[in-house]
All heavy atoms as atom14 arrays in JSON, in Angstrom:
{
  "sequence": "VLLVAANNGEPFNQGTGRPASHAAPAAEVTWYDFVLRYVD",
  "atom14_mask": [
    [1, 1, 1, 1, 1, 1, 1, 0, 0, 0, 0, 0, 0, 0],
    [1, 1, 1, 1, 1, 1, 1, 1, 0, 0, 0, 0, 0, 0],
    [1, 1, 1, 1, 1, 1, 1, 1, 0, 0, 0, 0, 0, 0],
    [1, 1, 1, 1, 1, 1, 1, 0, 0, 0, 0, 0, 0, 0],
    [1, 1, 1, 1, 1, 0, 0, 0, 0, 0, 0, 0, 0, 0],
    [1, 1, 1, 1, 1, 0, 0, 0, 0, 0, 0, 0, 0, 0],
    [1, 1, 1, 1, 1, 1, 1, 1, 0, 0, 0, 0, 0, 0],
    [1, 1, 1, 1, 1, 1, 1, 1, 0, 0, 0, 0, 0, 0],
    [1, 1, 1, 1, 0, 0, 0, 0, 0, 0, 0, 0, 0, 0],
    [1, 1, 1, 1, 1, 1, 1, 1, 1, 0, 0, 0, 0, 0],
    [1, 1, 1, 1, 1, 1, 1, 0, 0, 0, 0, 0, 0, 0],
    [1, 1, 1, 1, 1, 1, 1, 1, 1, 1, 1, 0, 0, 0],
    [1, 1, 1, 1, 1, 1, 1, 1, 0, 0, 0, 0, 0, 0],
    [1, 1, 1, 1, 1, 1, 1, 1, 1, 0, 0, 0, 0, 0],
    [1, 1, 1, 1, 0, 0, 0, 0, 0, 0, 0, 0, 0, 0],
    [1, 1, 1, 1, 1, 1, 1, 0, 0, 0, 0, 0, 0, 0],
    [1, 1, 1, 1, 0, 0, 0, 0, 0, 0, 0, 0, 0, 0],
    [1, 1, 1, 1, 1, 1, 1, 1, 1, 1, 1, 0, 0, 0],
    [1, 1, 1, 1, 1, 1, 1, 0, 0, 0, 0, 0, 0, 0],
    [1, 1, 1, 1, 1, 0, 0, 0, 0, 0, 0, 0, 0, 0],
    [1, 1, 1, 1, 1, 1, 0, 0, 0, 0, 0, 0, 0, 0],
    [1, 1, 1, 1, 1, 1, 1, 1, 1, 1, 0, 0, 0, 0],
    [1, 1, 1, 1, 1, 0, 0, 0, 0, 0, 0, 0, 0, 0],
    [1, 1, 1, 1, 1, 0, 0, 0, 0, 0, 0, 0, 0, 0],
    [1, 1, 1, 1, 1, 1, 1, 0, 0, 0, 0, 0, 0, 0],
    [1, 1, 1, 1, 1, 0, 0, 0, 0, 0, 0, 0, 0, 0],
    [1, 1, 1, 1, 1, 0, 0, 0, 0, 0, 0, 0, 0, 0],
    [1, 1, 1, 1, 1, 1, 1, 1, 1, 0, 0, 0, 0, 0],
    [1, 1, 1, 1, 1, 1, 1, 0, 0, 0, 0, 0, 0, 0],
    [1, 1, 1, 1, 1, 1, 1, 0, 0, 0, 0, 0, 0, 0],
    [1, 1, 1, 1, 1, 1, 1, 1, 1, 1, 1, 1, 1, 1],
    [1, 1, 1, 1, 1, 1, 1, 1, 1, 1, 1, 1, 0, 0],
    [1, 1, 1, 1, 1, 1, 1, 1, 0, 0, 0, 0, 0, 0],
    [1, 1, 1, 1, 1, 1, 1, 1, 1, 1, 1, 0, 0, 0],
    [1, 1, 1, 1, 1, 1, 1, 0, 0, 0, 0, 0, 0, 0],
    [1, 1, 1, 1, 1, 1, 1, 1, 0, 0, 0, 0, 0, 0],
    [1, 1, 1, 1, 1, 1, 1, 1, 1, 1, 1, 0, 0, 0],
    [1, 1, 1, 1, 1, 1, 1, 1, 1, 1, 1, 1, 0, 0],
    [1, 1, 1, 1, 1, 1, 1, 0, 0, 0, 0, 0, 0, 0],
    [1, 1, 1, 1, 1, 1, 1, 1, 0, 0, 0, 0, 0, 0]
  ],
  "atom14_positions": [
    [[3.63, 10.03, -14.48], [4.04, 9.27, -13.3], [4.08, 7.78, -13.62], [5.01, 7.06, -13.25], [3.09, 9.56, -12.12], [3.3, 8.57, -10.99], [3.27, 10.97, -11.62], [0.0, 0.0, 0.0], [0.0, 0.0, 0.0], [0.0, 0.0, 0.0], [0.0, 0.0, 0.0], [0.0, 0.0, 0.0], [0.0, 0.0, 0.0], [0.0, 0.0, 0.0]],
    [[3.06, 7.3, -14.33], [3.04, 5.89, -14.73], [4.17, 5.55, -15.7], [4.81, 4.51, -15.58], [1.69, 5.55, -15.36], [0.46, 5.61, -14.46], [-0.79, 5.3, -15.27], [0.59, 4.67, -13.29], [0.0, 0.0, 0.0], [0.0, 0.0, 0.0], [0.0, 0.0, 0.0], [0.0, 0.0, 0.0], [0.0, 0.0, 0.0], [0.0, 0.0, 0.0]],
    [[4.41, 6.45, -16.66], [5.48, 6.22, -17.63], [6.85, 6.17, -16.96], [7.69, 5.33, -17.3], [5.46, 7.3, -18.71], [4.36, 7.19, -19.75], [4.27, 8.48, -20.57], [4.61, 6.01, -20.65], [0.0, 0.0, 0.0], [0.0, 0.0, 0.0], [0.0, 0.0, 0.0], [0.0, 0.0, 0.0], [0.0, 0.0, 0.0], [0.0, 0.0, 0.0]],
    [[7.09, 7.07, -16.02], [8.37, 7.09, -15.31], [8.56, 5.8, -14.53], [9.65, 5.22, -14.51], [8.46, 8.34, -14.39], [9.62, 8.22, -13.43], [8.59, 9.59, -15.23], [0.0, 0.0, 0.0], [0.0, 0.0, 0.0], [0.0, 0.0, 0.0], [0.0, 0.0, 0.0], [0.0, 0.0, 0.0], [0.0, 0.0, 0.0], [0.0, 0.0, 0.0]],
    [[7.49, 5.33, -13.87], [7.59, 4.08, -13.12], [7.91, 2.91, -14.05], [8.73, 2.05, -13.72], [6.28, 3.82, -12.37], [0.0, 0.0, 0.0], [0.0, 0.0, 0.0], [0.0, 0.0, 0.0], [0.0, 0.0, 0.0], [0.0, 0.0, 0.0], [0.0, 0.0, 0.0], [0.0, 0.0, 0.0], [0.0, 0.0, 0.0], [0.0, 0.0, 0.0]],
    [[7.27, 2.88, -15.21], [7.55, 1.82, -16.17], [8.98, 1.92, -16.71], [9.66, 0.9, -16.86], [6.55, 1.88, -17.32], [0.0, 0.0, 0.0], [0.0, 0.0, 0.0], [0.0, 0.0, 0.0], [0.0, 0.0, 0.0], [0.0, 0.0, 0.0], [0.0, 0.0, 0.0], [0.0, 0.0, 0.0], [0.0, 0.0, 0.0], [0.0, 0.0, 0.0]],
    [[9.44, 3.13, -16.98], [10.81, 3.32, -17.49], [11.86, 2.99, -16.45], [12.98, 2.61, -16.79], [10.99, 4.75, -17.99], [10.26, 5.01, -19.28], [9.94, 4.07, -20.02], [9.96, 6.26, -19.56], [0.0, 0.0, 0.0], [0.0, 0.0, 0.0], [0.0, 0.0, 0.0], [0.0, 0.0, 0.0], [0.0, 0.0, 0.0], [0.0, 0.0, 0.0]],
    [[11.52, 3.13, -15.18], [12.44, 2.77, -14.09], [12.46, 1.27, -13.82], [13.2, 0.82, -12.96], [12.1, 3.53, -12.82], [12.45, 4.99, -12.9], [13.28, 5.39, -13.72], [11.83, 5.8, -12.07], [0.0, 0.0, 0.0], [0.0, 0.0, 0.0], [0.0, 0.0, 0.0], [0.0, 0.0, 0.0], [0.0, 0.0, 0.0], [0.0, 0.0, 0.0]],
    [[11.61, 0.52, -14.51], [11.61, -0.94, -14.36], [10.81, -1.43, -13.17], [11.06, -2.53, -12.68], [0.0, 0.0, 0.0], [0.0, 0.0, 0.0], [0.0, 0.0, 0.0], [0.0, 0.0, 0.0], [0.0, 0.0, 0.0], [0.0, 0.0, 0.0], [0.0, 0.0, 0.0], [0.0, 0.0, 0.0], [0.0, 0.0, 0.0], [0.0, 0.0, 0.0]],
    [[9.86, -0.64, -12.71], [9.04, -1.08, -11.57], [7.96, -2.05, -12.05], [7.37, -1.85, -13.09], [8.34, 0.12, -10.92], [9.26, 1.04, -10.19], [8.49, 2.13, -9.47], [7.4, 1.83, -8.92], [8.96, 3.27, -9.47], [0.0, 0.0, 0.0], [0.0, 0.0, 0.0], [0.0, 0.0, 0.0], [0.0, 0.0, 0.0], [0.0, 0.0, 0.0]],
    [[7.68, -3.07, -11.25], [6.56, -3.95, -11.6], [5.23, -3.27, -11.29], [5.14, -2.44, -10.38], [6.78, -5.17, -10.7], [7.54, -4.65, -9.54], [8.39, -3.53, -10.07], [0.0, 0.0, 0.0], [0.0, 0.0, 0.0], [0.0, 0.0, 0.0], [0.0, 0.0, 0.0], [0.0, 0.0, 0.0], [0.0, 0.0, 0.0], [0.0, 0.0, 0.0]],
    [[4.2, -3.6, -12.06], [2.86, -3.05, -11.86], [1.95, -4.13, -11.29], [2.05, -5.3, -11.66], [2.29, -2.54, -13.18], [2.78, -1.19, -13.59], [4.12, -0.97, -13.91], [1.92, -0.11, -13.65], [4.57, 0.27, -14.3], [2.37, 1.14, -14.03], [3.7, 1.33, -14.35], [0.0, 0.0, 0.0], [0.0, 0.0, 0.0], [0.0, 0.0, 0.0]],
    [[1.07, -3.74, -10.4], [0.09, -4.65, -9.82], [-0.99, -4.91, -10.86], [-1.58, -3.97, -11.39], [-0.5, -4.03, -8.55], [-1.42, -4.97, -7.82], [-2.17, -5.73, -8.42], [-1.36, -4.91, -6.51], [0.0, 0.0, 0.0], [0.0, 0.0, 0.0], [0.0, 0.0, 0.0], [0.0, 0.0, 0.0], [0.0, 0.0, 0.0], [0.0, 0.0, 0.0]],
    [[-1.3, -6.17, -11.13], [-2.28, -6.5, -12.15], [-3.7, -6.16, -11.71], [-4.54, -5.82, -12.53], [-2.2, -7.98, -12.51], [-0.92, -8.34, -13.2], [-0.85, -9.81, -13.56], [-1.86, -10.48, -13.65], [0.35, -10.32, -13.74], [0.0, 0.0, 0.0], [0.0, 0.0, 0.0], [0.0, 0.0, 0.0], [0.0, 0.0, 0.0], [0.0, 0.0, 0.0]],
    [[-3.97, -6.2, -10.41], [-5.31, -5.92, -9.91], [-5.65, -4.44, -9.95], [-6.71, -4.04, -10.42], [0.0, 0.0, 0.0], [0.0, 0.0, 0.0], [0.0, 0.0, 0.0], [0.0, 0.0, 0.0], [0.0, 0.0, 0.0], [0.0, 0.0, 0.0], [0.0, 0.0, 0.0], [0.0, 0.0, 0.0], [0.0, 0.0, 0.0], [0.0, 0.0, 0.0]],
    [[-4.74, -3.61, -9.45], [-4.99, -2.18, -9.37], [-4.46, -1.43, -10.58], [-4.92, -0.33, -10.88], [-4.35, -1.57, -8.12], [-2.93, -1.73, -8.19], [-4.89, -2.21, -6.85], [0.0, 0.0, 0.0], [0.0, 0.0, 0.0], [0.0, 0.0, 0.0], [0.0, 0.0, 0.0], [0.0, 0.0, 0.0], [0.0, 0.0, 0.0], [0.0, 0.0, 0.0]],
    [[-3.47, -1.99, -11.25], [-2.87, -1.33, -12.4], [-1.83, -0.29, -12.01], [-1.28, 0.39, -12.87], [0.0, 0.0, 0.0], [0.0, 0.0, 0.0], [0.0, 0.0, 0.0], [0.0, 0.0, 0.0], [0.0, 0.0, 0.0], [0.0, 0.0, 0.0], [0.0, 0.0, 0.0], [0.0, 0.0, 0.0], [0.0, 0.0, 0.0], [0.0, 0.0, 0.0]],
    [[-1.56, -0.15, -10.74], [-0.61, 0.86, -10.25], [0.78, 0.26, -10.07], [0.92, -0.95, -9.83], [-1.07, 1.44, -8.91], [-2.45, 2.04, -8.93], [-2.47, 3.28, -9.8], [-3.8, 3.83, -9.95], [-4.25, 4.89, -9.31], [-3.49, 5.53, -8.46], [-5.47, 5.32, -9.53], [0.0, 0.0, 0.0], [0.0, 0.0, 0.0], [0.0, 0.0, 0.0]],
    [[1.82, 1.1, -10.12], [3.18, 0.62, -9.86], [3.32, 0.13, -8.43], [2.57, 0.55, -7.53], [4.06, 1.85, -10.09], [3.22, 2.81, -10.85], [1.81, 2.51, -10.52], [0.0, 0.0, 0.0], [0.0, 0.0, 0.0], [0.0, 0.0, 0.0], [0.0, 0.0, 0.0], [0.0, 0.0, 0.0], [0.0, 0.0, 0.0], [0.0, 0.0, 0.0]],
    [[4.26, -0.76, -8.2], [4.47, -1.32, -6.87], [4.83, -0.24, -5.85], [4.47, -0.35, -4.67], [5.57, -2.38, -6.92], [0.0, 0.0, 0.0], [0.0, 0.0, 0.0], [0.0, 0.0, 0.0], [0.0, 0.0, 0.0], [0.0, 0.0, 0.0], [0.0, 0.0, 0.0], [0.0, 0.0, 0.0], [0.0, 0.0, 0.0], [0.0, 0.0, 0.0]],
    [[5.49, 0.82, -6.29], [5.87, 1.89, -5.37], [4.67, 2.7, -4.89], [4.76, 3.42, -3.91], [6.88, 2.83, -6.03], [6.29, 3.45, -7.15], [0.0, 0.0, 0.0], [0.0, 0.0, 0.0], [0.0, 0.0, 0.0], [0.0, 0.0, 0.0], [0.0, 0.0, 0.0], [0.0, 0.0, 0.0], [0.0, 0.0, 0.0], [0.0, 0.0, 0.0]],
    [[3.53, 2.58, -5.56], [2.33, 3.34, -5.17], [1.43, 2.56, -4.23], [0.36, 3.04, -3.87], [1.53, 3.73, -6.41], [2.22, 4.74, -7.25], [1.56, 5.5, -8.17], [3.52, 5.14, -7.31], [2.42, 6.3, -8.76], [3.61, 6.09, -8.27], [0.0, 0.0, 0.0], [0.0, 0.0, 0.0], [0.0, 0.0, 0.0], [0.0, 0.0, 0.0]],
    [[1.84, 1.37, -3.85], [1.02, 0.55, -2.95], [0.96, 1.19, -1.57], [1.94, 1.77, -1.1], [1.6, -0.86, -2.85], [0.0, 0.0, 0.0], [0.0, 0.0, 0.0], [0.0, 0.0, 0.0], [0.0, 0.0, 0.0], [0.0, 0.0, 0.0], [0.0, 0.0, 0.0], [0.0, 0.0, 0.0], [0.0, 0.0, 0.0], [0.0, 0.0, 0.0]],
    [[-0.19, 1.09, -0.94], [-0.37, 1.65, 0.4], [0.44, 0.83, 1.4], [0.44, -0.41, 1.35], [-1.84, 1.63, 0.79], [0.0, 0.0, 0.0], [0.0, 0.0, 0.0], [0.0, 0.0, 0.0], [0.0, 0.0, 0.0], [0.0, 0.0, 0.0], [0.0, 0.0, 0.0], [0.0, 0.0, 0.0], [0.0, 0.0, 0.0], [0.0, 0.0, 0.0]],
    [[1.13, 1.5, 2.31], [1.88, 0.75, 3.32], [0.93, 0.02, 4.26], [-0.19, 0.46, 4.5], [2.66, 1.83, 4.06], [1.91, 3.08, 3.81], [1.26, 2.93, 2.48], [0.0, 0.0, 0.0], [0.0, 0.0, 0.0], [0.0, 0.0, 0.0], [0.0, 0.0, 0.0], [0.0, 0.0, 0.0], [0.0, 0.0, 0.0], [0.0, 0.0, 0.0]],
    [[1.39, -1.08, 4.78], [0.57, -1.85, 5.71], [0.35, -1.05, 6.99], [1.22, -0.3, 7.44], [1.26, -3.17, 6.04], [0.0, 0.0, 0.0], [0.0, 0.0, 0.0], [0.0, 0.0, 0.0], [0.0, 0.0, 0.0], [0.0, 0.0, 0.0], [0.0, 0.0, 0.0], [0.0, 0.0, 0.0], [0.0, 0.0, 0.0], [0.0, 0.0, 0.0]],
    [[-0.83, -1.19, 7.55], [-1.16, -0.45, 8.77], [-0.29, -0.96, 9.92], [-0.1, -2.17, 10.09], [-2.63, -0.64, 9.11], [0.0, 0.0, 0.0], [0.0, 0.0, 0.0], [0.0, 0.0, 0.0], [0.0, 0.0, 0.0], [0.0, 0.0, 0.0], [0.0, 0.0, 0.0], [0.0, 0.0, 0.0], [0.0, 0.0, 0.0], [0.0, 0.0, 0.0]],
    [[0.23, -0.02, 10.71], [1.05, -0.41, 11.84], [0.21, -0.98, 12.97], [0.65, -1.85, 13.7], [1.85, 0.79, 12.33], [2.86, 1.28, 11.34], [3.62, 2.48, 11.82], [3.54, 2.8, 13.02], [4.28, 3.12, 10.99], [0.0, 0.0, 0.0], [0.0, 0.0, 0.0], [0.0, 0.0, 0.0], [0.0, 0.0, 0.0], [0.0, 0.0, 0.0]],
    [[-1.01, -0.48, 13.13], [-1.91, -0.94, 14.18], [-3.12, -1.57, 13.5], [-3.77, -0.94, 12.67], [-2.36, 0.23, 15.08], [-3.32, -0.24, 16.15], [-1.16, 0.91, 15.7], [0.0, 0.0, 0.0], [0.0, 0.0, 0.0], [0.0, 0.0, 0.0], [0.0, 0.0, 0.0], [0.0, 0.0, 0.0], [0.0, 0.0, 0.0], [0.0, 0.0, 0.0]],
    [[-3.42, -2.8, 13.86], [-4.59, -3.45, 13.28], [-5.86, -2.87, 13.89], [-5.84, -2.23, 14.94], [-4.57, -4.96, 13.54], [-4.68, -5.2, 14.94], [-3.29, -5.59, 12.98], [0.0, 0.0, 0.0], [0.0, 0.0, 0.0], [0.0, 0.0, 0.0], [0.0, 0.0, 0.0], [0.0, 0.0, 0.0], [0.0, 0.0, 0.0], [0.0, 0.0, 0.0]],
    [[-6.97, -3.11, 13.24], [-8.25, -2.62, 13.71], [-8.56, -3.18, 15.09], [-9.02, -2.46, 15.97], [-9.34, -3.03, 12.72], [-10.7, -2.61, 13.13], [-11.28, -1.4, 12.89], [-11.65, -3.37, 13.87], [-12.54, -1.37, 13.43], [-12.79, -2.57, 14.04], [-11.66, -4.65, 14.4], [-13.92, -3.02, 14.71], [-12.78, -5.09, 15.06], [-13.9, -4.27, 15.22]],
    [[-8.3, -4.45, 15.29], [-8.58, -5.1, 16.57], [-7.75, -4.49, 17.7], [-8.27, -4.22, 18.78], [-8.31, -6.6, 16.45], [-8.63, -7.38, 17.7], [-9.95, -7.61, 18.06], [-7.62, -7.89, 18.51], [-10.25, -8.32, 19.21], [-7.9, -8.59, 19.65], [-9.23, -8.82, 20.0], [-9.53, -9.52, 21.14], [0.0, 0.0, 0.0], [0.0, 0.0, 0.0]],
    [[-6.46, -4.25, 17.45], [-5.61, -3.63, 18.47], [-6.08, -2.22, 18.8], [-6.05, -1.79, 19.95], [-4.15, -3.59, 18.01], [-3.52, -4.97, 18.0], [-3.98, -5.84, 18.77], [-2.57, -5.17, 17.21], [0.0, 0.0, 0.0], [0.0, 0.0, 0.0], [0.0, 0.0, 0.0], [0.0, 0.0, 0.0], [0.0, 0.0, 0.0], [0.0, 0.0, 0.0]],
    [[-6.52, -1.48, 17.78], [-7.03, -0.14, 18.01], [-8.25, -0.17, 18.93], [-8.38, 0.63, 19.85], [-7.39, 0.52, 16.68], [-8.09, 1.84, 16.83], [-7.39, 2.97, 17.17], [-9.45, 1.92, 16.66], [-8.03, 4.19, 17.33], [-10.12, 3.13, 16.82], [-9.4, 4.26, 17.16], [0.0, 0.0, 0.0], [0.0, 0.0, 0.0], [0.0, 0.0, 0.0]],
    [[-9.17, -1.1, 18.67], [-10.38, -1.21, 19.49], [-10.02, -1.57, 20.92], [-10.58, -1.0, 21.89], [-11.36, -2.25, 18.89], [-12.49, -2.56, 19.86], [-11.91, -1.74, 17.58], [0.0, 0.0, 0.0], [0.0, 0.0, 0.0], [0.0, 0.0, 0.0], [0.0, 0.0, 0.0], [0.0, 0.0, 0.0], [0.0, 0.0, 0.0], [0.0, 0.0, 0.0]],
    [[-9.1, -2.47, 21.12], [-8.69, -2.84, 22.48], [-8.09, -1.65, 23.22], [-8.41, -1.41, 24.4], [-7.68, -3.99, 22.45], [-8.23, -5.35, 22.05], [-7.1, -6.38, 22.03], [-9.33, -5.8, 23.0], [0.0, 0.0, 0.0], [0.0, 0.0, 0.0], [0.0, 0.0, 0.0], [0.0, 0.0, 0.0], [0.0, 0.0, 0.0], [0.0, 0.0, 0.0]],
    [[-7.27, -0.89, 22.56], [-6.68, 0.3, 23.2], [-7.75, 1.34, 23.52], [-7.7, 1.97, 24.58], [-5.63, 0.92, 22.28], [-4.39, 0.09, 22.13], [-3.42, 0.73, 21.17], [-2.3, -0.14, 20.89], [-1.38, 0.13, 20.0], [-1.42, 1.24, 19.3], [-0.39, -0.72, 19.8], [0.0, 0.0, 0.0], [0.0, 0.0, 0.0], [0.0, 0.0, 0.0]],
    [[-8.71, 1.51, 22.63], [-9.78, 2.48, 22.85], [-10.63, 2.08, 24.05], [-10.96, 2.9, 24.9], [-10.65, 2.58, 21.59], [-11.78, 3.57, 21.72], [-11.55, 4.92, 21.56], [-13.08, 3.15, 22.01], [-12.58, 5.84, 21.67], [-14.11, 4.05, 22.13], [-13.85, 5.4, 21.96], [-14.86, 6.3, 22.08], [0.0, 0.0, 0.0], [0.0, 0.0, 0.0]],
    [[-11.0, 0.82, 24.15], [-11.81, 0.34, 25.28], [-11.03, 0.48, 26.58], [-11.59, 0.92, 27.6], [-12.25, -1.13, 25.04], [-12.85, -1.72, 26.3], [-13.23, -1.19, 23.89], [0.0, 0.0, 0.0], [0.0, 0.0, 0.0], [0.0, 0.0, 0.0], [0.0, 0.0, 0.0], [0.0, 0.0, 0.0], [0.0, 0.0, 0.0], [0.0, 0.0, 0.0]],
    [[-9.77, 0.15, 26.57], [-8.95, 0.32, 27.79], [-8.88, 1.77, 28.22], [-8.92, 2.08, 29.41], [-7.54, -0.23, 27.57], [-7.5, -1.74, 27.49], [-8.47, -2.37, 27.96], [-6.51, -2.28, 26.96], [0.0, 0.0, 0.0], [0.0, 0.0, 0.0], [0.0, 0.0, 0.0], [0.0, 0.0, 0.0], [0.0, 0.0, 0.0], [0.0, 0.0, 0.0]]
  ]
}
């Protein structure tokens, strides 16, 4: 999987060492918004 990502020309994250395509998507709901909805 790592070799294929490198051969496809994907950049790798220096901190995690993983390809950019393996990065976790940003959360749609922040923690604070979740708490507000839960309390309501």
